[in-house]
Amino acid sequence: MAALRGDQLPTVDQLTTLIDRCRRDLALPITLSVSGEPRTPAPEGAGCTGAHRRR
């Protein structure tokens, strides 16, 4: 919901804390698993411009 309000999105470094808080607050057995190879994040400001769409 915070992202919908325009708040800052959590970073990768904050995921463990976010999962722990959700587990505690919702009393659910929430887990996080990560697989695959690490990737370099896109540069700041990179995003979909729609230029790739067919005309």
N, C-alpha and C. Protein backbone atom coordinates (compact mmCIF):
# COMPACT_ATOMS: atom_id res chain seq x y z
N MET A 1 0.82 -1.19 0.00
CA MET A 1 0.00 0.00 0.00
C MET A 1 0.86 1.25 0.00
N ALA A 2 1.98 1.19 0.68
CA ALA A 2 2.85 2.36 0.74
C ALA A 2 3.30 2.77 -0.66
N ALA A 3 3.58 1.80 -1.51
CA ALA A 3 4.03 2.10 -2.87
C ALA A 3 2.92 2.80 -3.65
N LEU A 4 1.68 2.43 -3.39
CA LEU A 4 0.56 3.08 -4.07
C LEU A 4 0.39 4.53 -3.65
N ARG A 5 0.85 4.85 -2.44
CA ARG A 5 0.79 6.23 -1.95
C ARG A 5 1.99 7.04 -2.42
N GLY A 6 2.91 6.39 -3.15
CA GLY A 6 4.09 7.10 -3.62
C GLY A 6 5.25 7.04 -2.65
N ASP A 7 5.13 6.24 -1.58
CA ASP A 7 6.22 6.08 -0.63
C ASP A 7 7.37 5.33 -1.30
N GLN A 8 8.55 5.45 -0.71
CA GLN A 8 9.73 4.76 -1.22
C GLN A 8 9.52 3.25 -1.11
N LEU A 9 9.88 2.51 -2.15
CA LEU A 9 9.79 1.06 -2.14
C LEU A 9 10.93 0.48 -1.31
N PRO A 10 10.72 -0.66 -0.68
CA PRO A 10 11.80 -1.28 0.09
C PRO A 10 12.92 -1.72 -0.83
N THR A 11 14.13 -1.68 -0.32
CA THR A 11 15.28 -2.14 -1.09
C THR A 11 15.54 -3.61 -0.78
N VAL A 12 16.41 -4.22 -1.55
CA VAL A 12 16.77 -5.62 -1.33
C VAL A 12 17.29 -5.82 0.09
N ASP A 13 18.07 -4.87 0.57
CA ASP A 13 18.62 -4.97 1.92
C ASP A 13 17.55 -4.96 3.01
N GLN A 14 16.37 -4.45 2.70
CA GLN A 14 15.30 -4.35 3.69
C GLN A 14 14.32 -5.52 3.63
N LEU A 15 14.49 -6.44 2.69
CA LEU A 15 13.52 -7.52 2.51
C LEU A 15 13.40 -8.42 3.74
N THR A 16 14.50 -8.77 4.36
CA THR A 16 14.44 -9.63 5.54
C THR A 16 13.62 -8.99 6.65
N THR A 17 13.84 -7.71 6.89
CA THR A 17 13.07 -6.99 7.91
C THR A 17 11.59 -6.93 7.53
N LEU A 18 11.31 -6.67 6.26
CA LEU A 18 9.92 -6.61 5.80
C LEU A 18 9.21 -7.94 6.00
N ILE A 19 9.89 -9.03 5.65
CA ILE A 19 9.31 -10.36 5.84
C ILE A 19 9.08 -10.65 7.32
N ASP A 20 10.06 -10.32 8.15
CA ASP A 20 9.92 -10.55 9.60
C ASP A 20 8.74 -9.77 10.17
N ARG A 21 8.58 -8.54 9.76
CA ARG A 21 7.46 -7.72 10.26
C ARG A 21 6.12 -8.27 9.80
N CYS A 22 6.03 -8.69 8.54
CA CYS A 22 4.78 -9.26 8.04
C CYS A 22 4.44 -10.54 8.77
N ARG A 23 5.45 -11.40 8.99
CA ARG A 23 5.24 -12.65 9.72
C ARG A 23 4.70 -12.36 11.11
N ARG A 24 5.31 -11.40 11.80
CA ARG A 24 4.90 -11.05 13.16
C ARG A 24 3.51 -10.41 13.17
N ASP A 25 3.30 -9.41 12.32
CA ASP A 25 2.06 -8.65 12.35
C ASP A 25 0.85 -9.46 11.89
N LEU A 26 1.05 -10.35 10.93
CA LEU A 26 -0.06 -11.12 10.39
C LEU A 26 -0.17 -12.51 11.00
N ALA A 27 0.82 -12.86 11.83
CA ALA A 27 0.85 -14.19 12.47
C ALA A 27 0.71 -15.30 11.43
N LEU A 28 1.48 -15.16 10.34
CA LEU A 28 1.47 -16.14 9.27
C LEU A 28 2.87 -16.69 9.06
N PRO A 29 2.98 -17.90 8.59
CA PRO A 29 4.31 -18.49 8.35
C PRO A 29 4.92 -18.02 7.03
N ILE A 30 5.21 -16.75 6.93
CA ILE A 30 5.75 -16.14 5.71
C ILE A 30 7.25 -16.42 5.63
N THR A 31 7.69 -16.82 4.44
CA THR A 31 9.11 -17.04 4.20
C THR A 31 9.52 -16.36 2.91
N LEU A 32 10.81 -16.18 2.75
CA LEU A 32 11.37 -15.61 1.53
C LEU A 32 12.45 -16.55 1.04
N SER A 33 12.37 -16.93 -0.22
CA SER A 33 13.44 -17.73 -0.81
C SER A 33 13.89 -17.04 -2.09
N VAL A 34 15.18 -17.06 -2.29
CA VAL A 34 15.77 -16.39 -3.45
C VAL A 34 16.56 -17.43 -4.22
N SER A 35 16.38 -17.45 -5.54
CA SER A 35 17.13 -18.38 -6.37
C SER A 35 17.61 -17.65 -7.62
N GLY A 36 18.53 -18.27 -8.31
CA GLY A 36 19.04 -17.68 -9.54
C GLY A 36 20.34 -16.94 -9.32
N GLU A 37 20.80 -16.34 -10.36
CA GLU A 37 22.06 -15.60 -10.33
C GLU A 37 21.79 -14.12 -10.03
N PRO A 38 22.65 -13.49 -9.24
CA PRO A 38 22.49 -12.05 -8.99
C PRO A 38 22.61 -11.26 -10.29
N ARG A 39 21.84 -10.20 -10.39
CA ARG A 39 21.89 -9.34 -11.57
C ARG A 39 22.19 -7.91 -11.13
N THR A 40 22.80 -7.17 -12.01
CA THR A 40 23.07 -5.76 -11.76
C THR A 40 21.78 -4.98 -11.93
N PRO A 41 21.40 -4.15 -10.95
CA PRO A 41 20.17 -3.36 -11.09
C PRO A 41 20.27 -2.38 -12.26
N ALA A 42 19.12 -2.04 -12.79
CA ALA A 42 19.07 -1.04 -13.87
C ALA A 42 19.51 0.31 -13.31
N PRO A 43 20.08 1.16 -14.15
CA PRO A 43 20.50 2.49 -13.68
C PRO A 43 19.30 3.31 -13.19
N GLU A 44 19.58 4.21 -12.28
CA GLU A 44 18.54 5.11 -11.75
C GLU A 44 17.86 5.84 -12.91
N GLY A 45 16.55 5.86 -12.90
CA GLY A 45 15.80 6.57 -13.93
C GLY A 45 15.46 5.71 -15.13
N ALA A 46 16.01 4.50 -15.21
CA ALA A 46 15.67 3.62 -16.32
C ALA A 46 14.25 3.13 -16.14
N GLY A 47 13.53 3.05 -17.20
CA GLY A 47 12.16 2.57 -17.10
C GLY A 47 11.59 2.31 -18.47
N CYS A 48 10.40 1.85 -18.49
CA CYS A 48 9.72 1.56 -19.74
C CYS A 48 9.24 2.88 -20.35
N THR A 49 9.69 3.15 -21.54
CA THR A 49 9.28 4.38 -22.21
C THR A 49 8.20 4.14 -23.24
N GLY A 50 7.93 2.87 -23.50
CA GLY A 50 6.95 2.54 -24.53
C GLY A 50 7.56 2.51 -25.91
N ALA A 51 8.86 2.81 -26.04
CA ALA A 51 9.52 2.85 -27.34
C ALA A 51 9.58 1.46 -27.98
N HIS A 52 9.49 0.43 -27.19
CA HIS A 52 9.59 -0.92 -27.71
C HIS A 52 8.28 -1.42 -28.32
N ARG A 53 7.22 -0.68 -28.18
CA ARG A 53 5.91 -1.12 -28.69
C ARG A 53 5.84 -1.02 -30.20
N ARG A 54 5.06 -1.93 -30.77
CA ARG A 54 4.83 -1.88 -32.22
C ARG A 54 3.89 -0.74 -32.53
N ARG A 55 4.07 -0.20 -33.69
CA ARG A 55 3.17 0.89 -34.11
C ARG A 55 2.15 0.41 -35.08
